[in-house]
Protein backbone atom coordinates (compact mmCIF):
# COMPACT_ATOMS: atom_id res chain seq x y z
CA UNK A 1 -13.02 -26.79 23.68
CA UNK A 2 -16.12 -25.07 22.24
CA UNK A 3 -15.53 -25.31 18.45
CA UNK A 4 -15.48 -28.57 16.51
CA UNK A 5 -13.49 -26.94 13.71
CA UNK A 6 -11.70 -23.63 13.16
CA UNK A 7 -11.96 -21.77 9.86
CA UNK A 8 -8.87 -19.63 9.20
CA UNK A 9 -9.05 -16.65 6.87
CA UNK A 10 -5.51 -17.19 5.54
CA UNK A 11 -2.97 -20.00 5.31
CA UNK A 12 -0.78 -17.96 7.66
CA UNK A 13 -3.50 -17.93 10.34
CA UNK A 14 -4.20 -21.60 9.64
CA UNK A 15 -0.58 -22.49 10.46
CA UNK A 16 -0.72 -20.43 13.66
CA UNK A 17 -3.85 -22.22 14.90
CA UNK A 18 -2.45 -25.63 13.96
CA UNK A 19 0.48 -25.02 16.29
CA UNK A 20 -1.75 -24.62 19.34
CA UNK A 21 -4.74 -26.92 18.82
CA UNK A 22 -5.51 -30.47 17.83
CA UNK A 23 -8.84 -29.38 16.37
CA UNK A 24 -9.25 -29.39 12.58
CA UNK A 25 -8.15 -26.02 11.15
CA UNK A 26 -9.47 -25.43 7.62
CA UNK A 27 -8.32 -22.69 5.28
CA UNK A 28 -11.46 -20.69 4.48
CA UNK A 29 -10.48 -17.37 2.91
CA UNK A 30 -12.56 -14.22 3.13
CA UNK A 31 -14.68 -12.93 0.28
CA UNK A 32 -13.81 -9.58 -1.25
CA UNK A 33 -16.71 -7.85 -2.97
CA UNK A 34 -16.42 -5.61 -6.02
CA UNK A 35 -16.22 -2.10 -4.53
CA UNK A 36 -19.17 0.12 -5.46
CA UNK A 37 -18.73 3.83 -4.78
CA UNK A 38 -19.10 7.34 -6.15
CA UNK A 39 -15.68 8.42 -7.45
CA UNK A 40 -14.00 11.59 -6.19
CA UNK A 41 -11.32 13.71 -7.83
CA UNK A 42 -7.88 14.15 -6.32
CA UNK A 43 -8.82 17.79 -5.87
CA UNK A 44 -11.57 16.65 -3.50
CA UNK A 45 -8.84 15.23 -1.22
CA UNK A 46 -6.49 18.23 -1.77
CA UNK A 47 -4.00 16.05 -3.62
CA UNK A 48 -1.66 16.96 -6.46
CA UNK A 49 -3.52 15.92 -9.60
CA UNK A 50 -0.36 15.59 -11.73
CA UNK A 51 1.96 13.63 -9.42
CA UNK A 52 2.38 9.85 -9.57
CA UNK A 53 0.72 8.80 -6.31
CA UNK A 54 1.60 6.10 -3.81
CA UNK A 55 -0.93 5.48 -1.04
CA UNK A 56 -0.57 3.74 2.32
CA UNK A 57 -3.43 3.49 4.84
CA UNK A 58 -3.66 2.31 8.42
CA UNK A 59 -5.62 2.57 11.64
CA UNK A 60 -3.52 3.35 14.72
CA UNK A 61 -5.85 1.08 16.70
CA UNK A 62 -4.55 -1.80 14.57
CA UNK A 63 -1.07 -1.26 16.03
CA UNK A 64 1.21 1.36 14.54
CA UNK A 65 4.25 -0.91 14.72
CA UNK A 66 2.52 -3.72 12.84
CA UNK A 67 1.30 -1.45 10.05
CA UNK A 68 4.77 0.09 9.79
CA UNK A 69 4.01 3.35 7.91
CA UNK A 70 7.51 4.78 8.42
CA UNK A 71 8.91 2.10 6.12
CA UNK A 72 6.78 3.46 3.26
CA UNK A 73 8.01 7.00 4.00
CA UNK A 74 11.69 6.03 4.14
CA UNK A 75 11.39 3.90 0.99
CA UNK A 76 9.68 6.77 -0.83
CA UNK A 77 12.38 9.25 0.15
CA UNK A 78 15.10 6.77 -0.81
CA UNK A 79 13.51 6.15 -4.22
CA UNK A 80 12.78 9.81 -4.91
CA UNK A 81 15.27 12.27 -3.38
CA UNK A 82 14.00 15.75 -2.60
CA UNK A 83 13.79 17.93 -5.67
CA UNK A 84 11.85 15.36 -7.65
CA UNK A 85 8.29 16.68 -7.52
CA UNK A 86 6.44 14.43 -9.99
CA UNK A 87 5.62 11.99 -7.17
CA UNK A 88 3.68 12.06 -3.91
CA UNK A 89 3.10 9.69 -1.01
CA UNK A 90 -0.27 9.84 0.72
CA UNK A 91 -0.43 8.45 4.25
CA UNK A 92 -4.06 7.98 5.30
CA UNK A 93 -4.51 7.23 8.98
CA UNK A 94 -7.20 7.36 11.64
CA UNK A 95 -7.39 7.09 15.43
CA UNK A 96 -4.06 8.88 15.70
CA UNK A 97 -1.98 8.35 18.83
CA UNK A 98 -0.04 11.50 19.60
CA UNK A 99 1.56 9.74 22.57
CA UNK A 100 3.45 7.36 20.28
CA UNK A 101 7.04 8.31 19.40
CA UNK A 102 6.45 6.66 15.98
CA UNK A 103 3.49 8.96 15.31
CA UNK A 104 5.52 12.03 16.20
CA UNK A 105 8.38 10.85 13.97
CA UNK A 106 5.96 10.35 11.08
CA UNK A 107 4.46 13.83 11.44
CA UNK A 108 7.91 15.42 11.82
CA UNK A 109 9.23 13.68 8.68
CA UNK A 110 6.14 14.53 6.64
CA UNK A 111 6.34 18.20 7.68
CA UNK A 112 9.83 18.38 6.14
CA UNK A 113 8.77 16.93 2.77
CA UNK A 114 5.87 18.60 0.98
CA UNK A 115 5.47 15.54 -1.28
CA UNK A 116 4.25 13.51 1.72
CA UNK A 117 0.58 14.17 2.43
CA UNK A 118 -0.82 12.98 5.77
CA UNK A 119 -4.59 12.55 5.99
CA UNK A 120 -5.37 12.07 9.67
CA UNK A 121 -9.13 11.67 9.60
CA UNK A 122 -12.08 9.30 9.38
CA UNK A 123 -13.47 8.82 5.87
CA UNK A 124 -16.81 7.31 4.93
CA UNK A 125 -16.67 3.92 3.23
CA UNK A 126 -17.46 5.64 -0.08
CA UNK A 127 -14.69 8.19 0.28
CA UNK A 128 -12.19 5.58 1.44
CA UNK A 129 -12.81 3.57 -1.73
CA UNK A 130 -12.67 6.78 -3.79
CA UNK A 131 -9.29 7.60 -2.24
CA UNK A 132 -7.99 4.14 -3.15
CA UNK A 133 -9.16 4.76 -6.70
CA UNK A 134 -7.23 8.06 -6.80
CA UNK A 135 -3.91 6.30 -6.14
CA UNK A 136 -1.57 4.95 -8.80
CA UNK A 137 -0.06 2.36 -6.45
CA UNK A 138 -1.11 0.97 -3.07
CA UNK A 139 1.69 0.31 -0.58
CA UNK A 140 1.41 -1.99 2.44
CA UNK A 141 4.77 -2.57 4.12
CA UNK A 142 3.16 -4.26 7.10
CA UNK A 143 5.17 -6.44 9.42
CA UNK A 144 2.31 -8.95 9.64
CA UNK A 145 -1.30 -9.28 8.45
CA UNK A 146 -4.00 -11.81 9.24
CA UNK A 147 -5.55 -11.32 5.81
CA UNK A 148 -5.03 -7.85 4.30
CA UNK A 149 -8.46 -6.75 3.11
CA UNK A 150 -7.51 -3.29 1.81
CA UNK A 151 -4.73 -4.87 -0.25
CA UNK A 152 -7.20 -7.33 -1.75
CA UNK A 153 -9.71 -4.56 -2.46
CA UNK A 154 -7.09 -2.49 -4.26
CA UNK A 155 -6.07 -5.48 -6.35
CA UNK A 156 -9.72 -6.09 -7.22
CA UNK A 157 -9.91 -2.46 -8.36
CA UNK A 158 -6.97 -3.15 -10.69
CA UNK A 159 -4.38 -1.22 -8.70
CA UNK A 160 -0.74 -2.36 -8.59
CA UNK A 161 0.35 -3.10 -5.04
CA UNK A 162 3.64 -3.22 -3.17
CA UNK A 163 3.38 -5.58 -0.21
CA UNK A 164 5.51 -7.30 2.39
CA UNK A 165 6.38 -10.86 1.36
CA UNK A 166 4.99 -12.36 4.57
CA UNK A 167 1.84 -13.41 6.45
CA UNK A 168 -1.80 -13.55 5.41
CA UNK A 169 -1.51 -11.27 2.38
CA UNK A 170 0.65 -13.90 0.63
CA UNK A 171 -2.51 -15.82 -0.32
CA UNK A 172 -3.14 -13.23 -3.02
CA UNK A 173 -0.29 -10.67 -3.05
CA UNK A 174 2.70 -12.77 -4.12
CA UNK A 175 5.43 -12.60 -6.76
CA UNK A 176 3.60 -12.18 -10.05
CA UNK A 177 0.46 -10.51 -8.69
CA UNK A 178 2.27 -7.87 -6.61
CA UNK A 179 5.70 -6.36 -6.07
CA UNK A 180 6.64 -8.16 -2.86
CA UNK A 181 9.27 -6.88 -0.45
CA UNK A 182 11.43 -9.32 1.50
CA UNK A 183 13.18 -8.79 4.80
CA UNK A 184 14.41 -10.63 7.89
CA UNK A 185 12.12 -12.18 10.47
CA UNK A 186 12.66 -10.32 13.74
CA UNK A 187 11.44 -11.00 17.28
CA UNK A 188 8.76 -8.69 18.67
CA UNK A 189 9.78 -6.29 21.42
CA UNK A 190 7.68 -5.26 24.39
CA UNK A 191 5.14 -2.68 23.25
CA UNK A 192 5.13 -3.87 19.63
CA UNK A 193 1.93 -5.85 20.04
CA UNK A 194 -0.37 -7.32 22.67
CA UNK A 195 1.49 -10.65 22.97
CA UNK A 196 5.20 -10.59 22.17
CA UNK A 197 6.55 -13.69 23.91
CA UNK A 198 8.24 -15.91 21.31
CA UNK A 199 6.61 -14.05 18.39
CA UNK A 200 8.27 -12.94 15.14
CA UNK A 201 7.28 -10.80 12.17
CA UNK A 202 8.99 -9.49 9.04
CA UNK A 203 10.98 -6.27 8.77
CA UNK A 204 10.52 -5.34 5.07
CA UNK A 205 13.70 -3.94 3.56
CA UNK A 206 13.40 -0.25 2.77
CA UNK A 207 15.84 -0.54 -0.14
CA UNK A 208 13.77 -3.27 -1.80
CA UNK A 209 10.60 -1.24 -1.24
CA UNK A 210 12.28 1.77 -2.86
CA UNK A 211 13.25 -0.39 -5.86
CA UNK A 212 9.63 -1.53 -6.17
CA UNK A 213 8.41 2.07 -6.14
CA UNK A 214 10.86 2.99 -8.90
CA UNK A 215 9.83 -0.08 -10.88
CA UNK A 216 6.20 1.07 -10.82
CA UNK A 217 7.19 4.31 -12.56
CA UNK A 218 9.96 2.97 -14.81
CA UNK A 219 8.11 -0.12 -16.08
CA UNK A 220 4.50 1.00 -16.59
CA UNK A 221 3.58 -1.84 -18.96
CA UNK A 222 5.01 -4.54 -16.68
CA UNK A 223 3.34 -2.94 -13.67
CA UNK A 224 -0.02 -2.77 -15.46
CA UNK A 225 0.27 -6.44 -16.49
CA UNK A 226 1.04 -7.41 -12.89
CA UNK A 227 -2.00 -5.46 -11.67
CA UNK A 228 -4.21 -7.33 -14.15
CA UNK A 229 -2.88 -10.67 -12.89
CA UNK A 230 -3.57 -9.58 -9.32
CA UNK A 231 -7.08 -8.48 -10.18
CA UNK A 232 -7.81 -11.79 -11.94
CA UNK A 233 -6.50 -13.78 -8.96
CA UNK A 234 -8.71 -11.97 -6.46
CA UNK A 235 -11.72 -12.22 -8.79
CA UNK A 236 -11.20 -15.97 -9.20
CA UNK A 237 -10.34 -16.97 -5.65
CA UNK A 238 -12.01 -14.39 -3.41
CA UNK A 239 -15.31 -13.52 -5.06
CA UNK A 240 -18.47 -14.02 -2.98
CA UNK A 241 -19.48 -16.80 -5.38
CA UNK A 242 -16.16 -18.66 -5.08
CA UNK A 243 -16.09 -18.40 -1.28
CA UNK A 244 -19.77 -19.38 -0.95
CA UNK A 245 -19.09 -22.51 -3.02
CA UNK A 246 -16.11 -23.32 -0.80
CA UNK A 247 -18.21 -22.95 2.35
CA UNK A 248 -21.02 -25.02 0.83
CA UNK A 249 -18.61 -27.80 -0.15
CA UNK A 250 -17.01 -27.94 3.31
CA UNK A 251 -20.37 -27.95 5.12
CA UNK A 252 -21.55 -30.73 2.81
CA UNK A 253 -18.37 -32.72 3.61
CA UNK A 254 -19.18 -32.34 7.29
CA UNK A 255 -22.78 -33.42 6.72
CA UNK A 256 -24.13 -30.11 8.00
CA UNK A 257 -25.91 -29.30 4.73
CA UNK A 258 -27.08 -31.43 1.82
CA UNK A 259 -24.43 -32.12 -0.82
């Protein structure tokens, strides 16, 4: 009963709030600033400088099951059978949870494939952005996202992205600006997330994700054009200036500030 109005960072979150409140729920997306950082070489991160590089990042504190890193690993191995060494998949994580069976499966799988590089460490903001810059493609096969800031930052940097065709990231990572991966909506199981009762999220199809990875390599001009469209979309709709104008206009509508 405290707020007069709720501002939702994505249309997905807006719909969720609208289901549980009679208060006005307004779509007010987040701003994504142009990343400023000192670049690093791949050598700095102990990465193969020649291989075509896919990157997936996640924080175990943001729920391992929701971030779904094993889907990226399985899709990568399906797209590029062992013996093909002109590719690599970098899994950057932090706050690792050795008690999780999923974590142990990830580490076991990566240990059996030298093309999968696991970075289990905290990076400074500068080095995190530098790592994103080192990648050829950013991969986020999440089961659900409220917004998807790292995806948006990569798109702003001009990187092609592969993303699940569901949830908050759809405001900017959709067919035409990203390679989107479909899948069935599945009910959450106990332990998947903090509240599972009656909740669903998407299970991105590994085969479709593998096809998207191959497409990045086999259609470089189409992939580059897609990345440019994604970059332009984020620049237009999520710049600080665009979001500030949106906030200003809404506050003026409400009579909180002068029009």
